[in-house]
Amino acid sequence: MIIFKILNSIYSHLVLFFPNPLGNKLRINYWRKKLKFLGKNIFFDVGVDLATANKIYIGDNFIIGRDSVIGATESEGIFIGNNVSVGRGTYFHGSNHKFENLDIPINKQGTTCSSIEYMDKKYSIVLEDDIWIGSNSVILSGAHLSRGSVVSAGSVVSGFYPPYSIIVGNPSRLAGTRKK
C-alpha cells in the first residue's frame, strides 16, 4: 500500500511538471481517466490542475496554459467546447462560498453555484466553441461565454455574453464585438 502511494505520487509529479511533448502525453493520459469527457488534439501545459475532474467536459482542440486551474468542486459542472484556448494562470471557479449569515463563520456556511441550462444539461460555467481567454483571468460560476468570444488578460468574468463578444476588465464588461 505504501509503495503504491509513493509510485502514484511520483507519477503525479511527473505528469504535472514534465514540460515537453512527452509530458503533455502523460498529462493527457492522466486526465483522460478522470475527466467526464476529453476530446482530441489537447494540450495541457505544466502545473494545470482540474479539481473534481469528473464534472468537467472538454471538447476538441483545447489548449490550457501553465499553472491554470479548472475547479468544478461543489458545482453543476464545467462545459468547455471545441477550439478553446486558455492563457496561463487562469482560474475557473465553478462555485462560491456562501457568506450571508453573519453569525456563522464563512467557512462553515457551505457553497453555492449557478446553474446554466446548455445542450439539455446543467453546468455552472459554459464556454461554447471558438473562445480565447487571456492569461491570469478568473472565470466565475455563472459565466456563459458564447461562440467566438475573447476575454482580455486579467479579466474577472461572470454572467452571459453573446456570440463574438470582446470581454474586458474586473469586473468584466462587454467592450465590443468581433463582428464587423
Protein backbone atom coordinates (compact mmCIF):
# COMPACT_ATOMS: atom_id res chain seq x y z
CA MET A 1 0.00 0.00 0.00
CA ILE A 2 2.78 2.46 0.88
CA ILE A 3 4.71 1.60 -2.30
CA PHE A 4 1.55 2.21 -4.35
CA LYS A 5 1.11 5.65 -2.75
CA ILE A 6 4.77 6.53 -3.40
CA LEU A 7 4.58 5.43 -7.06
CA ASN A 8 1.31 7.32 -7.52
CA SER A 9 2.88 10.45 -6.04
CA ILE A 10 5.93 10.18 -8.33
CA TYR A 11 3.68 9.64 -11.37
CA SER A 12 1.51 12.63 -10.40
CA HIS A 13 4.56 14.89 -10.12
CA LEU A 14 5.93 13.70 -13.48
CA VAL A 15 2.55 14.31 -15.10
CA LEU A 16 2.17 17.79 -13.64
CA PHE A 17 5.72 19.09 -14.09
CA PHE A 18 7.35 17.47 -17.17
CA PRO A 19 7.48 20.38 -19.72
CA ASN A 20 7.76 18.73 -23.16
CA PRO A 21 5.63 16.74 -25.65
CA LEU A 22 6.13 13.51 -23.67
CA GLY A 23 4.94 15.34 -20.55
CA ASN A 24 1.84 16.53 -22.42
CA LYS A 25 1.07 12.95 -23.48
CA LEU A 26 1.42 11.81 -19.88
CA ARG A 27 -0.85 14.64 -18.69
CA ILE A 28 -3.49 13.82 -21.33
CA ASN A 29 -3.48 10.14 -20.35
CA TYR A 30 -3.67 11.07 -16.68
CA TRP A 31 -6.61 13.47 -17.10
CA ARG A 32 -8.46 11.34 -19.68
CA LYS A 33 -9.04 8.75 -16.94
CA LYS A 34 -10.52 11.34 -14.58
CA LEU A 35 -12.49 13.75 -16.81
CA LYS A 36 -16.13 13.37 -17.75
CA PHE A 37 -15.09 13.83 -21.40
CA LEU A 38 -11.86 14.86 -23.12
CA GLY A 39 -11.75 15.50 -26.86
CA LYS A 40 -8.93 15.17 -29.39
CA ASN A 41 -5.90 17.38 -30.01
CA ILE A 42 -5.44 18.61 -26.43
CA PHE A 43 -2.54 20.47 -24.81
CA PHE A 44 -2.18 20.71 -21.02
CA ASP A 45 0.82 22.80 -20.00
CA VAL A 46 2.70 22.04 -16.78
CA GLY A 47 1.08 22.77 -13.43
CA VAL A 48 -2.52 22.52 -14.70
CA ASP A 49 -4.96 21.24 -12.10
CA LEU A 50 -8.50 20.02 -12.70
CA ALA A 51 -10.45 19.81 -9.43
CA THR A 52 -13.37 17.37 -9.41
CA ALA A 53 -12.44 16.36 -12.93
CA ASN A 54 -15.44 14.04 -13.30
CA LYS A 55 -17.63 17.18 -13.59
CA ILE A 56 -15.57 18.70 -16.43
CA TYR A 57 -16.32 18.29 -20.16
CA ILE A 58 -13.60 19.43 -22.60
CA GLY A 59 -14.09 19.34 -26.38
CA ASP A 60 -11.59 19.03 -29.25
CA ASN A 61 -8.62 21.34 -29.93
CA PHE A 62 -8.23 22.61 -26.37
CA ILE A 63 -5.13 24.41 -25.08
CA ILE A 64 -4.61 25.45 -21.47
CA GLY A 65 -1.56 27.36 -20.25
CA ARG A 66 0.82 26.74 -17.39
CA ASP A 67 -0.41 26.91 -13.79
CA SER A 68 -4.11 27.16 -14.65
CA VAL A 69 -6.87 25.62 -12.54
CA ILE A 70 -10.32 24.40 -13.56
CA GLY A 71 -12.28 23.83 -10.35
CA ALA A 72 -15.68 22.16 -10.62
CA THR A 73 -15.90 21.25 -6.93
CA GLU A 74 -19.39 21.77 -5.43
CA SER A 75 -20.71 22.91 -8.84
CA GLU A 76 -23.07 21.63 -11.54
CA GLY A 77 -20.01 21.08 -13.73
CA ILE A 78 -17.99 22.95 -16.34
CA PHE A 79 -18.52 22.68 -20.11
CA ILE A 80 -15.71 23.72 -22.47
CA GLY A 81 -16.47 23.44 -26.19
CA ASN A 82 -14.22 22.93 -29.22
CA ASN A 83 -11.34 25.21 -30.24
CA VAL A 84 -10.91 26.88 -26.85
CA SER A 85 -7.58 28.42 -25.78
CA VAL A 86 -6.89 29.39 -22.17
CA GLY A 87 -3.87 31.52 -21.21
CA ARG A 88 -1.53 30.71 -18.36
CA GLY A 89 -2.53 31.34 -14.76
CA THR A 90 -6.27 31.31 -15.45
CA TYR A 91 -8.71 30.08 -12.80
CA PHE A 92 -12.20 28.64 -13.26
CA HIS A 93 -14.33 28.68 -10.08
CA GLY A 94 -17.49 26.60 -10.52
CA SER A 95 -18.81 27.50 -7.07
CA ASN A 96 -18.52 30.24 -4.47
CA HIS A 97 -18.60 30.36 -0.68
CA LYS A 98 -21.81 31.49 0.98
CA PHE A 99 -21.32 34.45 3.31
CA GLU A 100 -24.78 35.86 4.06
CA ASN A 101 -25.11 34.75 7.72
CA LEU A 102 -23.03 36.99 9.98
CA ASP A 103 -23.48 34.59 12.93
CA ILE A 104 -21.73 31.67 11.21
CA PRO A 105 -18.09 31.69 10.03
CA ILE A 106 -17.88 31.86 6.25
CA ASN A 107 -16.00 28.57 6.01
CA LYS A 108 -18.94 26.84 7.77
CA GLN A 109 -21.70 28.26 5.52
CA GLY A 110 -21.13 25.94 2.57
CA THR A 111 -21.07 26.84 -1.09
CA THR A 112 -23.39 27.98 -3.83
CA CYS A 113 -23.20 27.72 -7.59
CA SER A 114 -25.01 28.90 -10.68
CA SER A 115 -26.99 26.56 -12.87
CA ILE A 116 -26.87 27.16 -16.63
CA GLU A 117 -29.03 25.04 -18.95
CA TYR A 118 -26.93 24.16 -22.01
CA MET A 119 -27.49 21.33 -24.51
CA ASP A 120 -30.11 19.72 -22.23
CA LYS A 121 -27.72 19.57 -19.26
CA LYS A 122 -26.86 21.84 -16.34
CA TYR A 123 -23.45 23.42 -15.82
CA SER A 124 -22.10 26.19 -13.61
CA ILE A 125 -19.72 27.52 -16.30
CA VAL A 126 -20.22 27.23 -20.07
CA LEU A 127 -17.65 28.09 -22.74
CA GLU A 128 -19.05 27.47 -26.19
CA ASP A 129 -16.83 26.87 -29.27
CA ASP A 130 -14.00 29.11 -30.57
CA ILE A 131 -13.11 31.04 -27.41
CA TRP A 132 -9.85 32.63 -26.36
CA ILE A 133 -9.23 33.53 -22.70
CA GLY A 134 -6.22 35.70 -21.93
CA SER A 135 -3.70 34.93 -19.19
CA ASN A 136 -4.48 35.39 -15.50
CA SER A 137 -8.22 35.65 -15.98
CA VAL A 138 -10.78 34.37 -13.47
CA ILE A 139 -13.93 32.68 -14.77
CA LEU A 140 -16.62 32.56 -12.07
CA SER A 141 -19.72 30.44 -11.54
CA GLY A 142 -22.47 31.71 -13.83
CA ALA A 143 -20.15 32.65 -16.70
CA HIS A 144 -21.58 31.70 -20.10
CA LEU A 145 -19.33 32.74 -22.97
CA SER A 146 -20.97 32.28 -26.36
CA ARG A 147 -19.26 31.18 -29.58
CA GLY A 148 -16.30 33.24 -30.77
CA SER A 149 -15.80 35.30 -27.60
CA VAL A 150 -12.46 36.76 -26.50
CA VAL A 151 -11.54 37.56 -22.88
CA SER A 152 -8.71 40.03 -22.27
CA ALA A 153 -5.91 39.10 -19.88
CA GLY A 154 -6.64 39.65 -16.21
CA SER A 155 -10.42 39.82 -16.56
CA VAL A 156 -12.80 38.52 -13.88
CA VAL A 157 -15.77 37.08 -15.77
CA SER A 158 -19.31 36.20 -14.71
CA GLY A 159 -22.66 36.39 -16.47
CA PHE A 160 -23.82 35.80 -20.04
CA TYR A 161 -22.03 37.18 -23.10
CA PRO A 162 -23.44 36.98 -26.66
CA PRO A 163 -21.57 35.47 -29.63
CA TYR A 164 -18.29 37.15 -30.70
CA SER A 165 -18.06 39.28 -27.56
CA ILE A 166 -14.88 41.10 -26.58
CA ILE A 167 -14.82 40.96 -22.79
CA VAL A 168 -12.51 43.08 -20.63
CA GLY A 169 -11.89 44.14 -17.06
CA ASN A 170 -12.51 43.44 -13.41
CA PRO A 171 -15.44 43.20 -13.14
CA SER A 172 -15.80 42.14 -16.74
CA ARG A 173 -17.83 44.11 -19.24
CA LEU A 174 -18.67 43.87 -22.92
CA ALA A 175 -16.14 46.12 -24.70
CA GLY A 176 -17.20 45.30 -28.26
CA THR A 177 -17.84 42.59 -30.77
CA ARG A 178 -15.67 40.71 -33.25
CA LYS A 179 -18.42 41.01 -35.89
CA LYS A 180 -17.95 43.79 -38.42
